[in-house]
PDB file of N, CA and C in Angstrom:
ATOM      1  N   UNK A   1       0.838  -1.178   0.000  1.00  0.00           N
ATOM      2  CA  UNK A   1       0.000   0.000   0.000  1.00  0.00           C
ATOM      3  C   UNK A   1       0.887   1.247   0.000  1.00  0.00           C
ATOM      4  N   UNK A   2       0.466   2.271  -0.681  1.00  0.00           N
ATOM      5  CA  UNK A   2       1.180   3.552  -0.692  1.00  0.00           C
ATOM      6  C   UNK A   2       0.550   4.478   0.356  1.00  0.00           C
ATOM      7  N   UNK A   3       1.410   5.081   1.189  1.00  0.00           N
ATOM      8  CA  UNK A   3       0.915   6.055   2.164  1.00  0.00           C
ATOM      9  C   UNK A   3       1.750   7.334   2.026  1.00  0.00           C
ATOM     10  N   UNK A   4       1.173   8.489   2.380  1.00  0.00           N
ATOM     11  CA  UNK A   4       1.912   9.745   2.243  1.00  0.00           C
ATOM     12  C   UNK A   4       2.972   9.933   3.325  1.00  0.00           C
ATOM     13  N   UNK A   5       4.046  10.638   2.935  1.00  0.00           N
ATOM     14  CA  UNK A   5       5.063  11.072   3.891  1.00  0.00           C
ATOM     15  C   UNK A   5       4.675  12.498   4.275  1.00  0.00           C
ATOM     16  N   UNK A   6       4.436  12.717   5.565  1.00  0.00           N
ATOM     17  CA  UNK A   6       3.997  14.022   6.066  1.00  0.00           C
ATOM     18  C   UNK A   6       5.181  14.687   6.760  1.00  0.00           C
ATOM     19  N   UNK A   7       5.578  15.849   6.237  1.00  0.00           N
ATOM     20  CA  UNK A   7       6.700  16.569   6.836  1.00  0.00           C
ATOM     21  C   UNK A   7       6.216  17.372   8.028  1.00  0.00           C
ATOM     22  N   UNK A   8       6.948  17.264   9.138  1.00  0.00           N
ATOM     23  CA  UNK A   8       6.616  18.016  10.343  1.00  0.00           C
ATOM     24  C   UNK A   8       7.847  18.788  10.798  1.00  0.00           C
ATOM     25  N   UNK A   9       7.620  19.862  11.522  1.00  0.00           N
ATOM     26  CA  UNK A   9       8.719  20.690  11.995  1.00  0.00           C
ATOM     27  C   UNK A   9       9.141  21.691  10.929  1.00  0.00           C
ATOM     28  N   UNK A  10      10.181  22.428  11.249  1.00  0.00           N
ATOM     29  CA  UNK A  10      10.707  23.434  10.326  1.00  0.00           C
ATOM     30  C   UNK A  10      12.214  23.231  10.198  1.00  0.00           C
ATOM     31  N   UNK A  11      12.691  23.211   8.964  1.00  0.00           N
ATOM     32  CA  UNK A  11      14.120  23.021   8.713  1.00  0.00           C
ATOM     33  C   UNK A  11      14.843  24.352   8.884  1.00  0.00           C
ATOM     34  N   UNK A  12      15.753  24.470   9.867  1.00  0.00           N
ATOM     35  CA  UNK A  12      16.488  25.720  10.073  1.00  0.00           C
ATOM     36  C   UNK A  12      17.250  26.180   8.828  1.00  0.00           C
ATOM     37  N   UNK A  13      17.665  25.268   7.986  1.00  0.00           N
ATOM     38  CA  UNK A  13      18.423  25.622   6.777  1.00  0.00           C
ATOM     39  C   UNK A  13      17.614  26.476   5.814  1.00  0.00           C
ATOM     40  N   UNK A  14      16.285  26.404   5.887  1.00  0.00           N
ATOM     41  CA  UNK A  14      15.457  27.195   4.969  1.00  0.00           C
ATOM     42  C   UNK A  14      15.413  28.670   5.360  1.00  0.00           C
ATOM     43  N   UNK A  15      15.934  29.000   6.527  1.00  0.00           N
ATOM     44  CA  UNK A  15      15.977  30.405   6.940  1.00  0.00           C
ATOM     45  C   UNK A  15      17.153  31.139   6.305  1.00  0.00           C
ATOM     46  N   UNK A  16      18.069  30.392   5.683  1.00  0.00           N
ATOM     47  CA  UNK A  16      19.190  30.985   4.977  1.00  0.00           C
ATOM     48  C   UNK A  16      18.691  31.368   3.591  1.00  0.00           C
ATOM     49  N   UNK A  17      18.942  32.601   3.195  1.00  0.00           N
ATOM     50  CA  UNK A  17      18.435  33.122   1.937  1.00  0.00           C
ATOM     51  C   UNK A  17      18.756  32.200   0.773  1.00  0.00           C
ATOM     52  N   UNK A  18      17.722  31.836   0.038  1.00  0.00           N
ATOM     53  CA  UNK A  18      17.884  31.021  -1.158  1.00  0.00           C
ATOM     54  C   UNK A  18      17.766  29.528  -0.938  1.00  0.00           C
ATOM     55  N   UNK A  19      18.046  29.035   0.263  1.00  0.00           N
ATOM     56  CA  UNK A  19      17.934  27.600   0.515  1.00  0.00           C
ATOM     57  C   UNK A  19      16.470  27.175   0.437  1.00  0.00           C
ATOM     58  N   UNK A  20      16.253  26.004  -0.122  1.00  0.00           N
ATOM     59  CA  UNK A  20      14.888  25.501  -0.264  1.00  0.00           C
ATOM     60  C   UNK A  20      14.816  24.047   0.180  1.00  0.00           C
ATOM     61  N   UNK A  21      13.684  23.680   0.735  1.00  0.00           N
ATOM     62  CA  UNK A  21      13.421  22.304   1.105  1.00  0.00           C
ATOM     63  C   UNK A  21      12.690  21.652  -0.063  1.00  0.00           C
ATOM     64  N   UNK A  22      13.281  20.619  -0.639  1.00  0.00           N
ATOM     65  CA  UNK A  22      12.651  19.907  -1.751  1.00  0.00           C
ATOM     66  C   UNK A  22      12.135  18.568  -1.260  1.00  0.00           C
ATOM     67  N   UNK A  23      10.844  18.356  -1.438  1.00  0.00           N
ATOM     68  CA  UNK A  23      10.179  17.117  -1.040  1.00  0.00           C
ATOM     69  C   UNK A  23      10.175  16.205  -2.266  1.00  0.00           C
ATOM     70  N   UNK A  24      11.111  15.267  -2.318  1.00  0.00           N
ATOM     71  CA  UNK A  24      11.301  14.437  -3.508  1.00  0.00           C
ATOM     72  C   UNK A  24      10.435  13.183  -3.537  1.00  0.00           C
ATOM     73  N   UNK A  25      10.134  12.629  -2.385  1.00  0.00           N
ATOM     74  CA  UNK A  25       9.343  11.399  -2.311  1.00  0.00           C
ATOM     75  C   UNK A  25       8.113  11.678  -1.458  1.00  0.00           C
ATOM     76  N   UNK A  26       6.957  11.741  -2.101  1.00  0.00           N
ATOM     77  CA  UNK A  26       5.729  12.113  -1.398  1.00  0.00           C
ATOM     78  C   UNK A  26       5.009  10.941  -0.752  1.00  0.00           C
ATOM     79  N   UNK A  27       5.213   9.739  -1.298  1.00  0.00           N
ATOM     80  CA  UNK A  27       4.578   8.554  -0.735  1.00  0.00           C
ATOM     81  C   UNK A  27       5.610   7.436  -0.622  1.00  0.00           C
ATOM     82  N   UNK A  28       5.335   6.509   0.286  1.00  0.00           N
ATOM     83  CA  UNK A  28       6.191   5.322   0.420  1.00  0.00           C
ATOM     84  C   UNK A  28       5.310   4.080   0.352  1.00  0.00           C
ATOM     85  N   UNK A  29       5.942   2.987   0.004  1.00  0.00           N
ATOM     86  CA  UNK A  29       5.243   1.694  -0.037  1.00  0.00           C
ATOM     87  C   UNK A  29       5.447   0.996   1.298  1.00  0.00           C
ATOM     88  N   UNK A  30       4.344   0.544   1.872  1.00  0.00           N
ATOM     89  CA  UNK A  30       4.418  -0.162   3.152  1.00  0.00           C
ATOM     90  C   UNK A  30       3.633  -1.456   3.066  1.00  0.00           C
ATOM     91  N   UNK A  31       3.945  -2.328   4.018  1.00  0.00           N
ATOM     92  CA  UNK A  31       3.228  -3.601   4.142  1.00  0.00           C
ATOM     93  C   UNK A  31       2.799  -3.734   5.592  1.00  0.00           C
ATOM     94  N   UNK A  32       1.526  -4.039   5.787  1.00  0.00           N
ATOM     95  CA  UNK A  32       1.023  -4.252   7.150  1.00  0.00           C
ATOM     96  C   UNK A  32      -0.357  -4.878   7.084  1.00  0.00           C
ATOM     97  N   UNK A  33      -0.817  -5.297   8.237  1.00  0.00           N
ATOM     98  CA  UNK A  33      -2.199  -5.750   8.332  1.00  0.00           C
ATOM     99  C   UNK A  33      -3.102  -4.525   8.178  1.00  0.00           C
ATOM    100  N   UNK A  34      -4.283  -4.694   7.615  1.00  0.00           N
ATOM    101  CA  UNK A  34      -5.177  -3.550   7.428  1.00  0.00           C
ATOM    102  C   UNK A  34      -5.451  -2.763   8.716  1.00  0.00           C
ATOM    103  N   UNK A  35      -5.517  -3.450   9.833  1.00  0.00           N
ATOM    104  CA  UNK A  35      -5.802  -2.765  11.094  1.00  0.00           C
ATOM    105  C   UNK A  35      -4.618  -1.930  11.588  1.00  0.00           C
ATOM    106  N   UNK A  36      -3.414  -2.201  11.097  1.00  0.00           N
ATOM    107  CA  UNK A  36      -2.208  -1.476  11.524  1.00  0.00           C
ATOM    108  C   UNK A  36      -1.774  -0.411  10.511  1.00  0.00           C
ATOM    109  N   UNK A  37      -2.457  -0.364   9.374  1.00  0.00           N
ATOM    110  CA  UNK A  37      -2.060   0.541   8.296  1.00  0.00           C
ATOM    111  C   UNK A  37      -2.261   2.006   8.701  1.00  0.00           C
ATOM    112  N   UNK A  38      -1.187   2.799   8.742  1.00  0.00           N
ATOM    113  CA  UNK A  38      -1.337   4.209   9.106  1.00  0.00           C
ATOM    114  C   UNK A  38      -1.850   5.040   7.922  1.00  0.00           C
ATOM    115  N   UNK A  39      -2.464   6.170   8.226  1.00  0.00           N
ATOM    116  CA  UNK A  39      -2.935   7.076   7.171  1.00  0.00           C
ATOM    117  C   UNK A  39      -1.750   7.762   6.502  1.00  0.00           C
ATOM    118  N   UNK A  40      -0.647   7.874   7.224  1.00  0.00           N
ATOM    119  CA  UNK A  40       0.569   8.499   6.702  1.00  0.00           C
ATOM    120  C   UNK A  40       1.693   8.262   7.688  1.00  0.00           C
ATOM    121  N   UNK A  41       2.896   8.676   7.303  1.00  0.00           N
ATOM    122  CA  UNK A  41       4.041   8.540   8.196  1.00  0.00           C
ATOM    123  C   UNK A  41       4.736   9.893   8.273  1.00  0.00           C
ATOM    124  N   UNK A  42       5.028  10.330   9.494  1.00  0.00           N
ATOM    125  CA  UNK A  42       5.631  11.650   9.698  1.00  0.00           C
ATOM    126  C   UNK A  42       7.146  11.591   9.619  1.00  0.00           C
ATOM    127  N   UNK A  43       7.719  12.684   9.092  1.00  0.00           N
ATOM    128  CA  UNK A  43       9.166  12.835   9.026  1.00  0.00           C
ATOM    129  C   UNK A  43       9.500  14.231   9.542  1.00  0.00           C
ATOM    130  N   UNK A  44      10.247  14.286  10.635  1.00  0.00           N
ATOM    131  CA  UNK A  44      10.635  15.556  11.249  1.00  0.00           C
ATOM    132  C   UNK A  44      11.830  16.140  10.495  1.00  0.00           C
ATOM    133  N   UNK A  45      11.662  17.348   9.932  1.00  0.00           N
ATOM    134  CA  UNK A  45      12.720  17.982   9.134  1.00  0.00           C
ATOM    135  C   UNK A  45      13.534  18.993   9.938  1.00  0.00           C
ATOM    136  N   UNK A  46      13.292  19.099  11.235  1.00  0.00           N
ATOM    137  CA  UNK A  46      13.972  20.114  12.052  1.00  0.00           C
ATOM    138  C   UNK A  46      15.464  19.838  12.231  1.00  0.00           C
ATOM    139  N   UNK A  47      15.933  18.672  11.807  1.00  0.00           N
ATOM    140  CA  UNK A  47      17.369  18.369  11.909  1.00  0.00           C
ATOM    141  C   UNK A  47      18.159  18.892  10.707  1.00  0.00           C
ATOM    142  N   UNK A  48      17.472  19.403   9.705  1.00  0.00           N
ATOM    143  CA  UNK A  48      18.140  19.900   8.494  1.00  0.00           C
ATOM    144  C   UNK A  48      18.607  21.336   8.729  1.00  0.00           C
ATOM    145  N   UNK A  49      19.884  21.468   9.073  1.00  0.00           N
ATOM    146  CA  UNK A  49      20.432  22.780   9.438  1.00  0.00           C
ATOM    147  C   UNK A  49      21.326  23.407   8.385  1.00  0.00           C
ATOM    148  N   UNK A  50      21.781  22.623   7.389  1.00  0.00           N
ATOM    149  CA  UNK A  50      22.701  23.135   6.380  1.00  0.00           C
ATOM    150  C   UNK A  50      22.269  22.711   4.986  1.00  0.00           C
ATOM    151  N   UNK A  51      22.695  23.491   4.004  1.00  0.00           N
ATOM    152  CA  UNK A  51      22.442  23.145   2.619  1.00  0.00           C
ATOM    153  C   UNK A  51      23.086  21.819   2.270  1.00  0.00           C
ATOM    154  N   UNK A  52      22.420  21.050   1.439  1.00  0.00           N
ATOM    155  CA  UNK A  52      22.953  19.770   1.010  1.00  0.00           C
ATOM    156  C   UNK A  52      22.538  18.591   1.875  1.00  0.00           C
ATOM    157  N   UNK A  53      21.982  18.856   3.050  1.00  0.00           N
ATOM    158  CA  UNK A  53      21.564  17.755   3.919  1.00  0.00           C
ATOM    159  C   UNK A  53      20.320  17.077   3.346  1.00  0.00           C
ATOM    160  N   UNK A  54      20.198  15.785   3.620  1.00  0.00           N
ATOM    161  CA  UNK A  54      19.058  15.008   3.138  1.00  0.00           C
ATOM    162  C   UNK A  54      18.502  14.131   4.256  1.00  0.00           C
ATOM    163  N   UNK A  55      17.252  13.766   4.099  1.00  0.00           N
ATOM    164  CA  UNK A  55      16.640  12.729   4.932  1.00  0.00           C
ATOM    165  C   UNK A  55      16.187  11.629   3.988  1.00  0.00           C
ATOM    166  N   UNK A  56      16.461  10.402   4.370  1.00  0.00           N
ATOM    167  CA  UNK A  56      16.201   9.244   3.512  1.00  0.00           C
ATOM    168  C   UNK A  56      15.134   8.335   4.124  1.00  0.00           C
ATOM    169  N   UNK A  57      14.720   7.358   3.363  1.00  0.00           N
ATOM    170  CA  UNK A  57      13.725   6.390   3.826  1.00  0.00           C
ATOM    171  C   UNK A  57      14.172   5.752   5.132  1.00  0.00           C
ATOM    172  N   UNK A  58      15.467   5.488   5.270  1.00  0.00           N
ATOM    173  CA  UNK A  58      15.969   4.850   6.493  1.00  0.00           C
ATOM    174  C   UNK A  58      15.786   5.736   7.731  1.00  0.00           C
ATOM    175  N   UNK A  59      15.499   7.033   7.541  1.00  0.00           N
ATOM    176  CA  UNK A  59      15.273   7.940   8.663  1.00  0.00           C
ATOM    177  C   UNK A  59      13.835   7.909   9.171  1.00  0.00           C
ATOM    178  N   UNK A  60      12.957   7.224   8.449  1.00  0.00           N
ATOM    179  CA  UNK A  60      11.561   7.098   8.886  1.00  0.00           C
ATOM    180  C   UNK A  60      11.463   6.080  10.021  1.00  0.00           C
ATOM    181  N   UNK A  61      10.543   6.340  10.929  1.00  0.00           N
ATOM    182  CA  UNK A  61      10.306   5.412  12.041  1.00  0.00           C
ATOM    183  C   UNK A  61       8.864   4.924  11.926  1.00  0.00           C
ATOM    184  N   UNK A  62       8.687   3.718  11.359  1.00  0.00           N
ATOM    185  CA  UNK A  62       7.322   3.195  11.215  1.00  0.00           C
ATOM    186  C   UNK A  62       6.783   2.683  12.546  1.00  0.00           C
ATOM    187  N   UNK A  63       5.482   2.670  12.665  1.00  0.00           N
ATOM    188  CA  UNK A  63       4.878   2.108  13.879  1.00  0.00           C
ATOM    189  C   UNK A  63       4.989   0.590  13.842  1.00  0.00           C
ATOM    190  N   UNK A  64       4.795  -0.024  14.986  1.00  0.00           N
ATOM    191  CA  UNK A  64       4.880  -1.490  15.088  1.00  0.00           C
ATOM    192  C   UNK A  64       3.913  -2.139  14.099  1.00  0.00           C
ATOM    193  N   UNK A  65       4.388  -3.186  13.456  1.00  0.00           N
ATOM    194  CA  UNK A  65       3.547  -3.930  12.526  1.00  0.00           C
ATOM    195  C   UNK A  65       3.550  -3.377  11.111  1.00  0.00           C
ATOM    196  N   UNK A  66       4.352  -2.330  10.856  1.00  0.00           N
ATOM    197  CA  UNK A  66       4.420  -1.721   9.526  1.00  0.00           C
ATOM    198  C   UNK A  66       5.843  -1.878   8.995  1.00  0.00           C
ATOM    199  N   UNK A  67       5.969  -2.415   7.801  1.00  0.00           N
ATOM    200  CA  UNK A  67       7.276  -2.556   7.148  1.00  0.00           C
ATOM    201  C   UNK A  67       7.332  -1.637   5.938  1.00  0.00           C
ATOM    202  N   UNK A  68       8.435  -0.899   5.816  1.00  0.00           N
ATOM    203  CA  UNK A  68       8.629  -0.010   4.672  1.00  0.00           C
ATOM    204  C   UNK A  68       9.319  -0.803   3.575  1.00  0.00           C
ATOM    205  N   UNK A  69       8.794  -0.707   2.355  1.00  0.00           N
ATOM    206  CA  UNK A  69       9.302  -1.497   1.245  1.00  0.00           C
ATOM    207  C   UNK A  69      10.269  -0.723   0.337  1.00  0.00           C
ATOM    208  N   UNK A  70      10.331   0.597   0.452  1.00  0.00           N
ATOM    209  CA  UNK A  70      11.242   1.395  -0.375  1.00  0.00           C
ATOM    210  C   UNK A  70      12.693   1.119  -0.004  1.00  0.00           C
ATOM    211  N   UNK A  71      13.599   1.449  -0.928  1.00  0.00           N
ATOM    212  CA  UNK A  71      15.030   1.319  -0.668  1.00  0.00           C
ATOM    213  C   UNK A  71      15.434   2.275   0.453  1.00  0.00           C
ATOM    214  N   UNK A  72      16.220   1.828   1.439  1.00  0.00           N
ATOM    215  CA  UNK A  72      16.594   2.666   2.593  1.00  0.00           C
ATOM    216  C   UNK A  72      17.336   3.949   2.208  1.00  0.00           C
ATOM    217  N   UNK A  73      18.093   3.942   1.121  1.00  0.00           N
ATOM    218  CA  UNK A  73      18.888   5.116   0.733  1.00  0.00           C
ATOM    219  C   UNK A  73      18.113   6.114  -0.126  1.00  0.00           C
ATOM    220  N   UNK A  74      16.871   5.816  -0.452  1.00  0.00           N
ATOM    221  CA  UNK A  74      16.076   6.710  -1.293  1.00  0.00           C
ATOM    222  C   UNK A  74      15.830   8.034  -0.552  1.00  0.00           C
ATOM    223  N   UNK A  75      16.093   9.161  -1.238  1.00  0.00           N
ATOM    224  CA  UNK A  75      15.957  10.488  -0.636  1.00  0.00           C
ATOM    225  C   UNK A  75      14.491  10.894  -0.576  1.00  0.00           C
ATOM    226  N   UNK A  76      14.074  11.376   0.597  1.00  0.00           N
ATOM    227  CA  UNK A  76      12.709  11.873   0.763  1.00  0.00           C
ATOM    228  C   UNK A  76      12.701  13.396   0.638  1.00  0.00           C
ATOM    229  N   UNK A  77      13.579  14.061   1.399  1.00  0.00           N
ATOM    230  CA  UNK A  77      13.702  15.526   1.328  1.00  0.00           C
ATOM    231  C   UNK A  77      15.169  15.908   1.312  1.00  0.00           C
ATOM    232  N   UNK A  78      15.449  17.081   0.721  1.00  0.00           N
ATOM    233  CA  UNK A  78      16.812  17.603   0.731  1.00  0.00           C
ATOM    234  C   UNK A  78      16.773  19.116   0.752  1.00  0.00           C
ATOM    235  N   UNK A  79      17.849  19.701   1.258  1.00  0.00           N
ATOM    236  CA  UNK A  79      18.004  21.148   1.256  1.00  0.00           C
ATOM    237  C   UNK A  79      18.850  21.510   0.045  1.00  0.00           C
ATOM    238  N   UNK A  80      18.282  22.302  -0.848  1.00  0.00           N
ATOM    239  CA  UNK A  80      19.030  22.739  -2.023  1.00  0.00           C
ATOM    240  C   UNK A  80      19.571  24.139  -1.776  1.00  0.00           C
ATOM    241  N   UNK A  81      20.752  24.374  -2.317  1.00  0.00           N
ATOM    242  CA  UNK A  81      21.444  25.644  -2.158  1.00  0.00           C
ATOM    243  C   UNK A  81      21.503  26.321  -3.527  1.00  0.00           C
ATOM    244  N   UNK A  82      21.180  27.609  -3.596  1.00  0.00           N
ATOM    245  CA  UNK A  82      21.238  28.285  -4.895  1.00  0.00           C
ATOM    246  C   UNK A  82      22.671  28.373  -5.397  1.00  0.00           C
ATOM    247  N   UNK A  83      22.827  28.270  -6.694  1.00  0.00           N
ATOM    248  CA  UNK A  83      24.142  28.408  -7.308  1.00  0.00           C
ATOM    249  C   UNK A  83      24.126  29.613  -8.217  1.00  0.00           C
ATOM    250  N   UNK A  84      25.209  30.350  -8.189  1.00  0.00           N
ATOM    251  CA  UNK A  84      25.338  31.507  -9.051  1.00  0.00           C
ATOM    252  C   UNK A  84      25.792  31.014 -10.410  1.00  0.00           C
ATOM    253  N   UNK A  85      24.955  31.247 -11.405  1.00  0.00           N
ATOM    254  CA  UNK A  85      25.323  30.838 -12.748  1.00  0.00           C
ATOM    255  C   UNK A  85      26.381  31.777 -13.281  1.00  0.00           C
ATOM    256  N   UNK A  86      27.248  31.256 -14.114  1.00  0.00           N
ATOM    257  CA  UNK A  86      28.336  32.040 -14.663  1.00  0.00           C
ATOM    258  C   UNK A  86      27.792  33.243 -15.435  1.00  0.00           C
ATOM    259  N   UNK A  87      26.686  33.050 -16.179  1.00  0.00           N
ATOM    260  CA  UNK A  87      26.106  34.146 -16.952  1.00  0.00           C
ATOM    261  C   UNK A  87      25.639  35.273 -16.032  1.00  0.00           C
ATOM    262  N   UNK A  88      25.025  34.898 -14.895  1.00  0.00           N
ATOM    263  CA  UNK A  88      24.556  35.910 -13.949  1.00  0.00           C
ATOM    264  C   UNK A  88      25.723  36.707 -13.385  1.00  0.00           C
ATOM    265  N   UNK A  89      26.796  36.026 -13.068  1.00  0.00           N
ATOM    266  CA  UNK A  89      27.961  36.692 -12.510  1.00  0.00           C
ATOM    267  C   UNK A  89      28.545  37.661 -13.530  1.00  0.00           C
ATOM    268  N   UNK A  90      28.680  37.229 -14.783  1.00  0.00           N
ATOM    269  CA  UNK A  90      29.219  38.097 -15.819  1.00  0.00           C
ATOM    270  C   UNK A  90      28.302  39.292 -16.047  1.00  0.00           C
ATOM    271  N   UNK A  91      26.998  39.038 -16.021  1.00  0.00           N
ATOM    272  CA  UNK A  91      26.044  40.120 -16.232  1.00  0.00           C
ATOM    273  C   UNK A  91      26.157  41.143 -15.100  1.00  0.00           C
ATOM    274  N   UNK A  92      26.296  40.684 -13.884  1.00  0.00           N
ATOM    275  CA  UNK A  92      26.405  41.590 -12.744  1.00  0.00           C
ATOM    276  C   UNK A  92      27.668  42.432 -12.837  1.00  0.00           C
ATOM    277  N   UNK A  93      28.749  41.827 -13.271  1.00  0.00           N
ATOM    278  CA  UNK A  93      30.014  42.547 -13.364  1.00  0.00           C
ATOM    279  C   UNK A  93      29.998  43.550 -14.506  1.00  0.00           C
ATOM    280  N   UNK A  94      29.391  43.198 -15.644  1.00  0.00           N
ATOM    281  CA  UNK A  94      29.478  44.061 -16.818  1.00  0.00           C
ATOM    282  C   UNK A  94      28.483  45.219 -16.800  1.00  0.00           C
ATOM    283  N   UNK A  95      27.437  45.126 -16.003  1.00  0.00           N
ATOM    284  CA  UNK A  95      26.456  46.209 -15.952  1.00  0.00           C
ATOM    285  C   UNK A  95      26.861  47.182 -14.862  1.00  0.00           C
ATOM    286  N   UNK A  96      27.101  48.408 -15.259  1.00  0.00           N
ATOM    287  CA  UNK A  96      27.413  49.426 -14.270  1.00  0.00           C
ATOM    288  C   UNK A  96      26.823  50.740 -14.736  1.00  0.00           C
ATOM    289  N   UNK A  97      26.396  51.518 -13.793  1.00  0.00           N
ATOM    290  CA  UNK A  97      25.837  52.820 -14.125  1.00  0.00           C
ATOM    291  C   UNK A  97      26.926  53.863 -13.948  1.00  0.00           C
ATOM    292  N   UNK A  98      27.014  54.758 -14.914  1.00  0.00           N
ATOM    293  CA  UNK A  98      27.984  55.840 -14.787  1.00  0.00           C
ATOM    294  C   UNK A  98      27.368  57.100 -15.357  1.00  0.00           C
ATOM    295  N   UNK A  99      27.828  58.197 -14.864  1.00  0.00           N
ATOM    296  CA  UNK A  99      27.323  59.485 -15.325  1.00  0.00           C
ATOM    297  C   UNK A  99      27.817  59.732 -16.742  1.00  0.00           C
ATOM    298  N   UNK A 100      27.074  60.529 -17.552  1.00  0.00           N
ATOM    299  CA  UNK A 100      27.516  60.828 -18.911  1.00  0.00           C
ATOM    300  C   UNK A 100      28.915  61.455 -18.894  1.00  0.00           C
ATOM    301  N   UNK A 101      29.789  60.963 -19.771  1.00  0.00           N
ATOM    302  CA  UNK A 101      31.137  61.490 -19.886  1.00  0.00           C
ATOM    303  C   UNK A 101      32.103  60.903 -18.874  1.00  0.00           C
ATOM    304  N   UNK A 102      31.610  60.070 -17.939  1.00  0.00           N
ATOM    305  CA  UNK A 102      32.478  59.505 -16.911  1.00  0.00           C
ATOM    306  C   UNK A 102      33.204  58.285 -17.467  1.00  0.00           C
ATOM    307  N   UNK A 103      34.465  58.143 -17.126  1.00  0.00           N
ATOM    308  CA  UNK A 103      35.275  57.023 -17.583  1.00  0.00           C
ATOM    309  C   UNK A 103      35.020  55.820 -16.670  1.00  0.00           C
ATOM    310  N   UNK A 104      35.160  54.630 -17.229  1.00  0.00           N
ATOM    311  CA  UNK A 104      35.033  53.410 -16.420  1.00  0.00           C
ATOM    312  C   UNK A 104      36.250  53.308 -15.518  1.00  0.00           C
ATOM    313  N   UNK A 105      36.075  52.667 -14.392  1.00  0.00           N
ATOM    314  CA  UNK A 105      37.181  52.476 -13.449  1.00  0.00           C
ATOM    315  C   UNK A 105      38.259  51.624 -14.105  1.00  0.00           C
ATOM    316  N   UNK A 106      39.527  51.861 -13.783  1.00  0.00           N
ATOM    317  CA  UNK A 106      40.604  51.061 -14.382  1.00  0.00           C
ATOM    318  C   UNK A 106      40.383  49.580 -14.148  1.00  0.00           C
ATOM    319  N   UNK A 107      40.666  48.781 -15.200  1.00  0.00           N
ATOM    320  CA  UNK A 107      40.522  47.348 -15.085  1.00  0.00           C
ATOM    321  C   UNK A 107      39.125  46.850 -15.384  1.00  0.00           C
ATOM    322  N   UNK A 108      38.165  47.735 -15.584  1.00  0.00           N
ATOM    323  CA  UNK A 108      36.804  47.314 -15.912  1.00  0.00           C
ATOM    324  C   UNK A 108      36.520  47.631 -17.359  1.00  0.00           C
ATOM    325  N   UNK A 109      35.852  46.728 -18.011  1.00  0.00           N
ATOM    326  CA  UNK A 109      35.531  46.921 -19.415  1.00  0.00           C
ATOM    327  C   UNK A 109      34.299  47.786 -19.561  1.00  0.00           C
ATOM    328  N   UNK A 110      34.236  48.532 -20.623  1.00  0.00           N
ATOM    329  CA  UNK A 110      33.027  49.286 -20.935  1.00  0.00           C
ATOM    330  C   UNK A 110      32.384  48.627 -22.143  1.00  0.00           C
ATOM    331  N   UNK A 111      31.058  48.669 -22.227  1.00  0.00           N
ATOM    332  CA  UNK A 111      30.388  48.051 -23.369  1.00  0.00           C
ATOM    333  C   UNK A 111      30.823  48.737 -24.660  1.00  0.00           C
ATOM    334  N   UNK A 112      31.040  47.924 -25.699  1.00  0.00           N
ATOM    335  CA  UNK A 112      31.424  48.447 -27.004  1.00  0.00           C
ATOM    336  C   UNK A 112      30.184  48.881 -27.751  1.00  0.00           C
ATOM    337  N   UNK A 113      30.237  50.040 -28.383  1.00  0.00           N
ATOM    338  CA  UNK A 113      29.121  50.511 -29.193  1.00  0.00           C
ATOM    339  C   UNK A 113      29.238  49.902 -30.572  1.00  0.00           C
ATOM    340  N   UNK A 114      28.103  49.508 -31.124  1.00  0.00           N
ATOM    341  CA  UNK A 114      28.094  48.964 -32.469  1.00  0.00           C
ATOM    342  C   UNK A 114      28.028  50.099 -33.459  1.00  0.00           C
ATOM    343  N   UNK A 115      28.639  49.912 -34.610  1.00  0.00           N
ATOM    344  CA  UNK A 115      28.453  50.939 -35.608  1.00  0.00           C
ATOM    345  C   UNK A 115      29.589  51.167 -36.476  1.00  0.00           C
TER     346      UNK A 115
END
């Protein structure tokens, strides 16, 4: 049977600008008697304090009588860190505002005019 993974708590890593919590596995496969089948299984994300950290299936704690069938190393949630793309960096460096007639600072390129 497939049951949902319910995230509880708050990941401190998401308070860092740009970091995001990605929920990669929304349901897991379990085996149990019908009377023991939970509506869902909770996963506490409050231990995620840094970018790049993950919680896996092996971090789930099923109730008695419930067996998880997914691979233990399968990622459920992860903290992603923003990356500065090379194009963005170049764009930031090459765009500068200057007053009319003002020279660019030494070592900085000025945009070439076409014509």
